[in-house]
Amino acid sequence: TATGAQLRTQVAAARAYLRASGLGRGDRCALVAPNS
């Protein structure tokens, strides 16, 4: 399970990774994975 706080933390971790990726606003990011 994931609570609201846990999901918020996971979103923040993913945003930190993306922010360091060098992408710019409007760039397209593919998401290829099963539901989770």
PDB file of all heavy atoms in Angstrom:
ATOM      1  N   THR A   1       0.817  -1.210   0.000  1.00  0.00           N
ATOM      2  CA  THR A   1       0.000   0.000   0.000  1.00  0.00           C
ATOM      3  C   THR A   1       0.855   1.266   0.000  1.00  0.00           C
ATOM      4  O   THR A   1       2.049   1.237   0.323  1.00  0.00           O
ATOM      5  CB  THR A   1      -0.928   0.020   1.223  1.00  0.00           C
ATOM      6  OG1 THR A   1      -0.131   0.020   2.414  1.00  0.00           O
ATOM      7  CG2 THR A   1      -1.848  -1.194   1.227  1.00  0.00           C
ATOM      8  N   ALA A   2       0.214   2.367  -0.349  1.00  0.00           N
ATOM      9  CA  ALA A   2       0.849   3.685  -0.286  1.00  0.00           C
ATOM     10  C   ALA A   2      -0.158   4.675   0.266  1.00  0.00           C
ATOM     11  O   ALA A   2      -1.271   4.791  -0.255  1.00  0.00           O
ATOM     12  CB  ALA A   2       1.335   4.123  -1.658  1.00  0.00           C
ATOM     13  N   THR A   3       0.223   5.372   1.319  1.00  0.00           N
ATOM     14  CA  THR A   3      -0.605   6.443   1.863  1.00  0.00           C
ATOM     15  C   THR A   3      -0.384   7.714   1.040  1.00  0.00           C
ATOM     16  O   THR A   3       0.497   7.779   0.178  1.00  0.00           O
ATOM     17  CB  THR A   3      -0.237   6.722   3.319  1.00  0.00           C
ATOM     18  OG1 THR A   3       1.129   7.189   3.363  1.00  0.00           O
ATOM     19  CG2 THR A   3      -0.375   5.465   4.179  1.00  0.00           C
ATOM     20  N   GLY A   4      -1.182   8.730   1.336  1.00  0.00           N
ATOM     21  CA  GLY A   4      -0.988   9.997   0.656  1.00  0.00           C
ATOM     22  C   GLY A   4       0.410  10.546   0.856  1.00  0.00           C
ATOM     23  O   GLY A   4       1.040  11.028  -0.087  1.00  0.00           O
ATOM     24  N   ALA A   5       0.933  10.445   2.085  1.00  0.00           N
ATOM     25  CA  ALA A   5       2.274  10.946   2.365  1.00  0.00           C
ATOM     26  C   ALA A   5       3.337  10.137   1.624  1.00  0.00           C
ATOM     27  O   ALA A   5       4.312  10.696   1.097  1.00  0.00           O
ATOM     28  CB  ALA A   5       2.541  10.921   3.869  1.00  0.00           C
ATOM     29  N   GLN A   6       3.180   8.820   1.588  1.00  0.00           N
ATOM     30  CA  GLN A   6       4.161   7.988   0.895  1.00  0.00           C
ATOM     31  C   GLN A   6       4.156   8.249  -0.608  1.00  0.00           C
ATOM     32  O   GLN A   6       5.215   8.311  -1.238  1.00  0.00           O
ATOM     33  CB  GLN A   6       3.869   6.514   1.182  1.00  0.00           C
ATOM     34  CG  GLN A   6       4.177   6.107   2.613  1.00  0.00           C
ATOM     35  CD  GLN A   6       3.605   4.739   2.972  1.00  0.00           C
ATOM     36  OE1 GLN A   6       2.608   4.292   2.391  1.00  0.00           O
ATOM     37  NE2 GLN A   6       4.223   4.073   3.941  1.00  0.00           N
ATOM     38  N   LEU A   7       2.968   8.412  -1.181  1.00  0.00           N
ATOM     39  CA  LEU A   7       2.907   8.712  -2.608  1.00  0.00           C
ATOM     40  C   LEU A   7       3.516  10.082  -2.887  1.00  0.00           C
ATOM     41  O   LEU A   7       4.237  10.263  -3.882  1.00  0.00           O
ATOM     42  CB  LEU A   7       1.456   8.666  -3.082  1.00  0.00           C
ATOM     43  CG  LEU A   7       1.231   8.844  -4.586  1.00  0.00           C
ATOM     44  CD1 LEU A   7       2.007   7.802  -5.393  1.00  0.00           C
ATOM     45  CD2 LEU A   7      -0.259   8.758  -4.929  1.00  0.00           C
ATOM     46  N   ARG A   8       3.279  11.053  -2.015  1.00  0.00           N
ATOM     47  CA  ARG A   8       3.857  12.395  -2.172  1.00  0.00           C
ATOM     48  C   ARG A   8       5.377  12.310  -2.142  1.00  0.00           C
ATOM     49  O   ARG A   8       6.063  12.972  -2.938  1.00  0.00           O
ATOM     50  CB  ARG A   8       3.353  13.286  -1.041  1.00  0.00           C
ATOM     51  CG  ARG A   8       3.552  14.768  -1.267  1.00  0.00           C
ATOM     52  CD  ARG A   8       2.527  15.292  -2.259  1.00  0.00           C
ATOM     53  NE  ARG A   8       2.241  16.687  -2.091  1.00  0.00           N
ATOM     54  CZ  ARG A   8       2.880  17.690  -2.688  1.00  0.00           C
ATOM     55  NH1 ARG A   8       3.910  17.433  -3.475  1.00  0.00           N
ATOM     56  NH2 ARG A   8       2.516  18.943  -2.508  1.00  0.00           N
ATOM     57  N   THR A   9       5.934  11.490  -1.247  1.00  0.00           N
ATOM     58  CA  THR A   9       7.386  11.335  -1.168  1.00  0.00           C
ATOM     59  C   THR A   9       7.947  10.687  -2.430  1.00  0.00           C
ATOM     60  O   THR A   9       9.005  11.081  -2.941  1.00  0.00           O
ATOM     61  CB  THR A   9       7.759  10.492   0.066  1.00  0.00           C
ATOM     62  OG1 THR A   9       7.317  11.161   1.249  1.00  0.00           O
ATOM     63  CG2 THR A   9       9.268  10.277   0.157  1.00  0.00           C
ATOM     64  N   GLN A  10       7.245   9.692  -2.947  1.00  0.00           N
ATOM     65  CA  GLN A  10       7.699   9.036  -4.177  1.00  0.00           C
ATOM     66  C   GLN A  10       7.639   9.997  -5.361  1.00  0.00           C
ATOM     67  O   GLN A  10       8.526   9.987  -6.222  1.00  0.00           O
ATOM     68  CB  GLN A  10       6.848   7.788  -4.433  1.00  0.00           C
ATOM     69  CG  GLN A  10       7.092   6.688  -3.415  1.00  0.00           C
ATOM     70  CD  GLN A  10       6.093   5.548  -3.530  1.00  0.00           C
ATOM     71  OE1 GLN A  10       5.136   5.626  -4.298  1.00  0.00           O
ATOM     72  NE2 GLN A  10       6.294   4.505  -2.756  1.00  0.00           N
ATOM     73  N   VAL A  11       6.602  10.814  -5.425  1.00  0.00           N
ATOM     74  CA  VAL A  11       6.529  11.825  -6.476  1.00  0.00           C
ATOM     75  C   VAL A  11       7.713  12.786  -6.355  1.00  0.00           C
ATOM     76  O   VAL A  11       8.346  13.147  -7.361  1.00  0.00           O
ATOM     77  CB  VAL A  11       5.201  12.604  -6.404  1.00  0.00           C
ATOM     78  CG1 VAL A  11       5.214  13.793  -7.367  1.00  0.00           C
ATOM     79  CG2 VAL A  11       4.022  11.693  -6.718  1.00  0.00           C
ATOM     80  N   ALA A  12       8.036  13.184  -5.133  1.00  0.00           N
ATOM     81  CA  ALA A  12       9.149  14.112  -4.919  1.00  0.00           C
ATOM     82  C   ALA A  12      10.479  13.493  -5.344  1.00  0.00           C
ATOM     83  O   ALA A  12      11.329  14.170  -5.937  1.00  0.00           O
ATOM     84  CB  ALA A  12       9.201  14.526  -3.446  1.00  0.00           C
ATOM     85  N   ALA A  13      10.672  12.189  -5.050  1.00  0.00           N
ATOM     86  CA  ALA A  13      11.904  11.515  -5.467  1.00  0.00           C
ATOM     87  C   ALA A  13      12.004  11.474  -6.991  1.00  0.00           C
ATOM     88  O   ALA A  13      13.078  11.737  -7.570  1.00  0.00           O
ATOM     89  CB  ALA A  13      11.945  10.104  -4.886  1.00  0.00           C
ATOM     90  N   ALA A  14      10.895  11.138  -7.648  1.00  0.00           N
ATOM     91  CA  ALA A  14      10.900  11.084  -9.108  1.00  0.00           C
ATOM     92  C   ALA A  14      11.136  12.462  -9.708  1.00  0.00           C
ATOM     93  O   ALA A  14      11.865  12.604 -10.707  1.00  0.00           O
ATOM     94  CB  ALA A  14       9.573  10.506  -9.604  1.00  0.00           C
ATOM     95  N   ARG A  15      10.564  13.491  -9.100  1.00  0.00           N
ATOM     96  CA  ARG A  15      10.789  14.843  -9.599  1.00  0.00           C
ATOM     97  C   ARG A  15      12.251  15.253  -9.451  1.00  0.00           C
ATOM     98  O   ARG A  15      12.802  15.936 -10.331  1.00  0.00           O
ATOM     99  CB  ARG A  15       9.885  15.828  -8.868  1.00  0.00           C
ATOM    100  CG  ARG A  15       8.405  15.683  -9.194  1.00  0.00           C
ATOM    101  CD  ARG A  15       7.584  16.793  -8.549  1.00  0.00           C
ATOM    102  NE  ARG A  15       7.920  18.093  -9.129  1.00  0.00           N
ATOM    103  CZ  ARG A  15       7.449  19.253  -8.677  1.00  0.00           C
ATOM    104  NH1 ARG A  15       6.631  19.270  -7.625  1.00  0.00           N
ATOM    105  NH2 ARG A  15       7.780  20.395  -9.253  1.00  0.00           N
ATOM    106  N   ALA A  16      12.875  14.847  -8.356  1.00  0.00           N
ATOM    107  CA  ALA A  16      14.299  15.170  -8.167  1.00  0.00           C
ATOM    108  C   ALA A  16      15.148  14.512  -9.248  1.00  0.00           C
ATOM    109  O   ALA A  16      16.085  15.124  -9.782  1.00  0.00           O
ATOM    110  CB  ALA A  16      14.748  14.730  -6.777  1.00  0.00           C
ATOM    111  N   TYR A  17      14.821  13.259  -9.587  1.00  0.00           N
ATOM    112  CA  TYR A  17      15.550  12.568 -10.652  1.00  0.00           C
ATOM    113  C   TYR A  17      15.338  13.279 -11.987  1.00  0.00           C
ATOM    114  O   TYR A  17      16.292  13.537 -12.737  1.00  0.00           O
ATOM    115  CB  TYR A  17      15.096  11.120 -10.743  1.00  0.00           C
ATOM    116  CG  TYR A  17      15.839  10.311 -11.783  1.00  0.00           C
ATOM    117  CD1 TYR A  17      16.950   9.557 -11.425  1.00  0.00           C
ATOM    118  CD2 TYR A  17      15.449  10.325 -13.122  1.00  0.00           C
ATOM    119  CE1 TYR A  17      17.650   8.822 -12.379  1.00  0.00           C
ATOM    120  CE2 TYR A  17      16.137   9.600 -14.078  1.00  0.00           C
ATOM    121  CZ  TYR A  17      17.234   8.850 -13.701  1.00  0.00           C
ATOM    122  OH  TYR A  17      17.932   8.136 -14.655  1.00  0.00           O
ATOM    123  N   LEU A  18      14.094  13.591 -12.296  1.00  0.00           N
ATOM    124  CA  LEU A  18      13.788  14.240 -13.568  1.00  0.00           C
ATOM    125  C   LEU A  18      14.421  15.620 -13.652  1.00  0.00           C
ATOM    126  O   LEU A  18      14.881  16.045 -14.722  1.00  0.00           O
ATOM    127  CB  LEU A  18      12.276  14.348 -13.743  1.00  0.00           C
ATOM    128  CG  LEU A  18      11.510  13.031 -13.897  1.00  0.00           C
ATOM    129  CD1 LEU A  18      10.003  13.279 -13.835  1.00  0.00           C
ATOM    130  CD2 LEU A  18      11.876  12.335 -15.202  1.00  0.00           C
ATOM    131  N   ARG A  19      14.446  16.324 -12.541  1.00  0.00           N
ATOM    132  CA  ARG A  19      15.006  17.680 -12.525  1.00  0.00           C
ATOM    133  C   ARG A  19      16.493  17.653 -12.859  1.00  0.00           C
ATOM    134  O   ARG A  19      17.022  18.600 -13.453  1.00  0.00           O
ATOM    135  CB  ARG A  19      14.769  18.288 -11.149  1.00  0.00           C
ATOM    136  CG  ARG A  19      15.128  19.760 -11.058  1.00  0.00           C
ATOM    137  CD  ARG A  19      14.467  20.385  -9.866  1.00  0.00           C
ATOM    138  NE  ARG A  19      13.032  20.545 -10.098  1.00  0.00           N
ATOM    139  CZ  ARG A  19      12.307  21.502  -9.531  1.00  0.00           C
ATOM    140  NH1 ARG A  19      12.858  22.356  -8.703  1.00  0.00           N
ATOM    141  NH2 ARG A  19      11.020  21.595  -9.778  1.00  0.00           N
ATOM    142  N   ALA A  20      17.161  16.557 -12.511  1.00  0.00           N
ATOM    143  CA  ALA A  20      18.601  16.433 -12.792  1.00  0.00           C
ATOM    144  C   ALA A  20      18.875  15.798 -14.155  1.00  0.00           C
ATOM    145  O   ALA A  20      20.038  15.597 -14.525  1.00  0.00           O
ATOM    146  CB  ALA A  20      19.259  15.599 -11.696  1.00  0.00           C
ATOM    147  N   SER A  21      17.814  15.466 -14.895  1.00  0.00           N
ATOM    148  CA  SER A  21      17.990  14.734 -16.151  1.00  0.00           C
ATOM    149  C   SER A  21      18.352  15.607 -17.335  1.00  0.00           C
ATOM    150  O   SER A  21      18.732  15.094 -18.393  1.00  0.00           O
ATOM    151  CB  SER A  21      16.698  13.971 -16.476  1.00  0.00           C
ATOM    152  OG  SER A  21      15.650  14.886 -16.796  1.00  0.00           O
ATOM    153  N   GLY A  22      18.199  16.915 -17.186  1.00  0.00           N
ATOM    154  CA  GLY A  22      18.509  17.811 -18.287  1.00  0.00           C
ATOM    155  C   GLY A  22      17.349  18.081 -19.222  1.00  0.00           C
ATOM    156  O   GLY A  22      17.504  18.795 -20.216  1.00  0.00           O
ATOM    157  N   LEU A  23      16.173  17.543 -18.930  1.00  0.00           N
ATOM    158  CA  LEU A  23      15.006  17.815 -19.757  1.00  0.00           C
ATOM    159  C   LEU A  23      14.515  19.243 -19.530  1.00  0.00           C
ATOM    160  O   LEU A  23      14.707  19.817 -18.452  1.00  0.00           O
ATOM    161  CB  LEU A  23      13.879  16.841 -19.445  1.00  0.00           C
ATOM    162  CG  LEU A  23      14.100  15.353 -19.742  1.00  0.00           C
ATOM    163  CD1 LEU A  23      12.845  14.566 -19.410  1.00  0.00           C
ATOM    164  CD2 LEU A  23      14.509  15.125 -21.179  1.00  0.00           C
ATOM    165  N   GLY A  24      13.874  19.796 -20.562  1.00  0.00           N
ATOM    166  CA  GLY A  24      13.302  21.128 -20.459  1.00  0.00           C
ATOM    167  C   GLY A  24      11.794  21.071 -20.521  1.00  0.00           C
ATOM    168  O   GLY A  24      11.193  20.056 -20.913  1.00  0.00           O
ATOM    169  N   ARG A  25      11.158  22.156 -20.163  1.00  0.00           N
ATOM    170  CA  ARG A  25       9.698  22.204 -20.160  1.00  0.00           C
ATOM    171  C   ARG A  25       9.157  21.845 -21.547  1.00  0.00           C
ATOM    172  O   ARG A  25       9.653  22.336 -22.566  1.00  0.00           O
ATOM    173  CB  ARG A  25       9.209  23.587 -19.754  1.00  0.00           C
ATOM    174  CG  ARG A  25       7.694  23.634 -19.577  1.00  0.00           C
ATOM    175  CD  ARG A  25       7.208  25.006 -19.159  1.00  0.00           C
ATOM    176  NE  ARG A  25       5.745  24.986 -19.045  1.00  0.00           N
ATOM    177  CZ  ARG A  25       5.069  24.928 -17.919  1.00  0.00           C
ATOM    178  NH1 ARG A  25       5.716  24.889 -16.762  1.00  0.00           N
ATOM    179  NH2 ARG A  25       3.745  24.917 -17.917  1.00  0.00           N
ATOM    180  N   GLY A  26       8.154  20.976 -21.569  1.00  0.00           N
ATOM    181  CA  GLY A  26       7.557  20.557 -22.828  1.00  0.00           C
ATOM    182  C   GLY A  26       8.211  19.356 -23.468  1.00  0.00           C
ATOM    183  O   GLY A  26       7.701  18.836 -24.464  1.00  0.00           O
ATOM    184  N   ASP A  27       9.358  18.885 -22.917  1.00  0.00           N
ATOM    185  CA  ASP A  27       9.984  17.683 -23.463  1.00  0.00           C
ATOM    186  C   ASP A  27       9.113  16.466 -23.160  1.00  0.00           C
ATOM    187  O   ASP A  27       8.410  16.412 -22.149  1.00  0.00           O
ATOM    188  CB  ASP A  27      11.379  17.475 -22.865  1.00  0.00           C
ATOM    189  CG  ASP A  27      12.417  18.392 -23.504  1.00  0.00           C
ATOM    190  OD1 ASP A  27      12.133  18.935 -24.596  1.00  0.00           O
ATOM    191  OD2 ASP A  27      13.499  18.558 -22.922  1.00  0.00           O
ATOM    192  N   ARG A  28       9.196  15.476 -24.052  1.00  0.00           N
ATOM    193  CA  ARG A  28       8.359  14.281 -23.921  1.00  0.00           C
ATOM    194  C   ARG A  28       9.120  13.163 -23.205  1.00  0.00           C
ATOM    195  O   ARG A  28      10.284  12.896 -23.520  1.00  0.00           O
ATOM    196  CB  ARG A  28       7.906  13.798 -25.299  1.00  0.00           C
ATOM    197  CG  ARG A  28       6.817  14.686 -25.928  1.00  0.00           C
ATOM    198  CD  ARG A  28       7.404  15.828 -26.758  1.00  0.00           C
ATOM    199  NE  ARG A  28       6.397  16.753 -27.270  1.00  0.00           N
ATOM    200  CZ  ARG A  28       5.724  16.573 -28.394  1.00  0.00           C
ATOM    201  NH1 ARG A  28       5.929  15.501 -29.128  1.00  0.00           N
ATOM    202  NH2 ARG A  28       4.845  17.468 -28.793  1.00  0.00           N
ATOM    203  N   CYS A  29       8.471  12.533 -22.275  1.00  0.00           N
ATOM    204  CA  CYS A  29       9.081  11.488 -21.453  1.00  0.00           C
ATOM    205  C   CYS A  29       8.225  10.230 -21.544  1.00  0.00           C
ATOM    206  O   CYS A  29       7.064  10.237 -21.117  1.00  0.00           O
ATOM    207  CB  CYS A  29       9.186  11.972 -20.007  1.00  0.00           C
ATOM    208  SG  CYS A  29       9.982  10.820 -18.896  1.00  0.00           S
ATOM    209  N   ALA A  30       8.774   9.160 -22.109  1.00  0.00           N
ATOM    210  CA  ALA A  30       8.029   7.909 -22.249  1.00  0.00           C
ATOM    211  C   ALA A  30       7.993   7.164 -20.923  1.00  0.00           C
ATOM    212  O   ALA A  30       8.968   7.156 -20.168  1.00  0.00           O
ATOM    213  CB  ALA A  30       8.660   7.033 -23.321  1.00  0.00           C
ATOM    214  N   LEU A  31       6.865   6.529 -20.667  1.00  0.00           N
ATOM    215  CA  LEU A  31       6.670   5.759 -19.445  1.00  0.00           C
ATOM    216  C   LEU A  31       6.215   4.370 -19.881  1.00  0.00           C
ATOM    217  O   LEU A  31       5.073   4.193 -20.297  1.00  0.00           O
ATOM    218  CB  LEU A  31       5.604   6.463 -18.591  1.00  0.00           C
ATOM    219  CG  LEU A  31       5.618   6.283 -17.083  1.00  0.00           C
ATOM    220  CD1 LEU A  31       4.590   7.204 -16.446  1.00  0.00           C
ATOM    221  CD2 LEU A  31       5.373   4.867 -16.682  1.00  0.00           C
ATOM    222  N   VAL A  32       7.138   3.402 -19.815  1.00  0.00           N
ATOM    223  CA  VAL A  32       6.862   2.056 -20.337  1.00  0.00           C
ATOM    224  C   VAL A  32       7.000   1.057 -19.192  1.00  0.00           C
ATOM    225  O   VAL A  32       8.108   0.649 -18.829  1.00  0.00           O
ATOM    226  CB  VAL A  32       7.831   1.694 -21.484  1.00  0.00           C
ATOM    227  CG1 VAL A  32       7.320   0.454 -22.225  1.00  0.00           C
ATOM    228  CG2 VAL A  32       8.005   2.843 -22.453  1.00  0.00           C
ATOM    229  N   ALA A  33       5.871   0.674 -18.624  1.00  0.00           N
ATOM    230  CA  ALA A  33       5.883  -0.222 -17.463  1.00  0.00           C
ATOM    231  C   ALA A  33       4.453  -0.648 -17.154  1.00  0.00           C
ATOM    232  O   ALA A  33       3.503   0.035 -17.535  1.00  0.00           O
ATOM    233  CB  ALA A  33       6.490   0.478 -16.240  1.00  0.00           C
ATOM    234  N   PRO A  34       4.300  -1.781 -16.461  1.00  0.00           N
ATOM    235  CA  PRO A  34       2.954  -2.168 -16.011  1.00  0.00           C
ATOM    236  C   PRO A  34       2.456  -1.225 -14.922  1.00  0.00           C
ATOM    237  O   PRO A  34       3.226  -0.453 -14.333  1.00  0.00           O
ATOM    238  CB  PRO A  34       3.166  -3.589 -15.447  1.00  0.00           C
ATOM    239  CG  PRO A  34       4.523  -4.008 -15.904  1.00  0.00           C
ATOM    240  CD  PRO A  34       5.321  -2.773 -16.103  1.00  0.00           C
ATOM    241  N   ASN A  35       1.168  -1.303 -14.638  1.00  0.00           N
ATOM    242  CA  ASN A  35       0.574  -0.494 -13.563  1.00  0.00           C
ATOM    243  C   ASN A  35       1.273  -0.766 -12.235  1.00  0.00           C
ATOM    244  O   ASN A  35       1.617  -1.907 -11.923  1.00  0.00           O
ATOM    245  CB  ASN A  35      -0.914  -0.828 -13.395  1.00  0.00           C
ATOM    246  CG  ASN A  35      -1.745  -0.433 -14.595  1.00  0.00           C
ATOM    247  OD1 ASN A  35      -1.251   0.117 -15.561  1.00  0.00           O
ATOM    248  ND2 ASN A  35      -3.032  -0.731 -14.523  1.00  0.00           N
ATOM    249  N   SER A  36       1.448   0.272 -11.455  1.00  0.00           N
ATOM    250  CA  SER A  36       2.007   0.124 -10.113  1.00  0.00           C
ATOM    251  C   SER A  36       1.880   1.463  -9.390  1.00  0.00           C
ATOM    252  O   SER A  36       1.522   2.485  -9.994  1.00  0.00           O
ATOM    253  CB  SER A  36       3.490  -0.288 -10.165  1.00  0.00           C
ATOM    254  OG  SER A  36       4.282   0.757 -10.708  1.00  0.00           O
TER     255      SER A  36
END
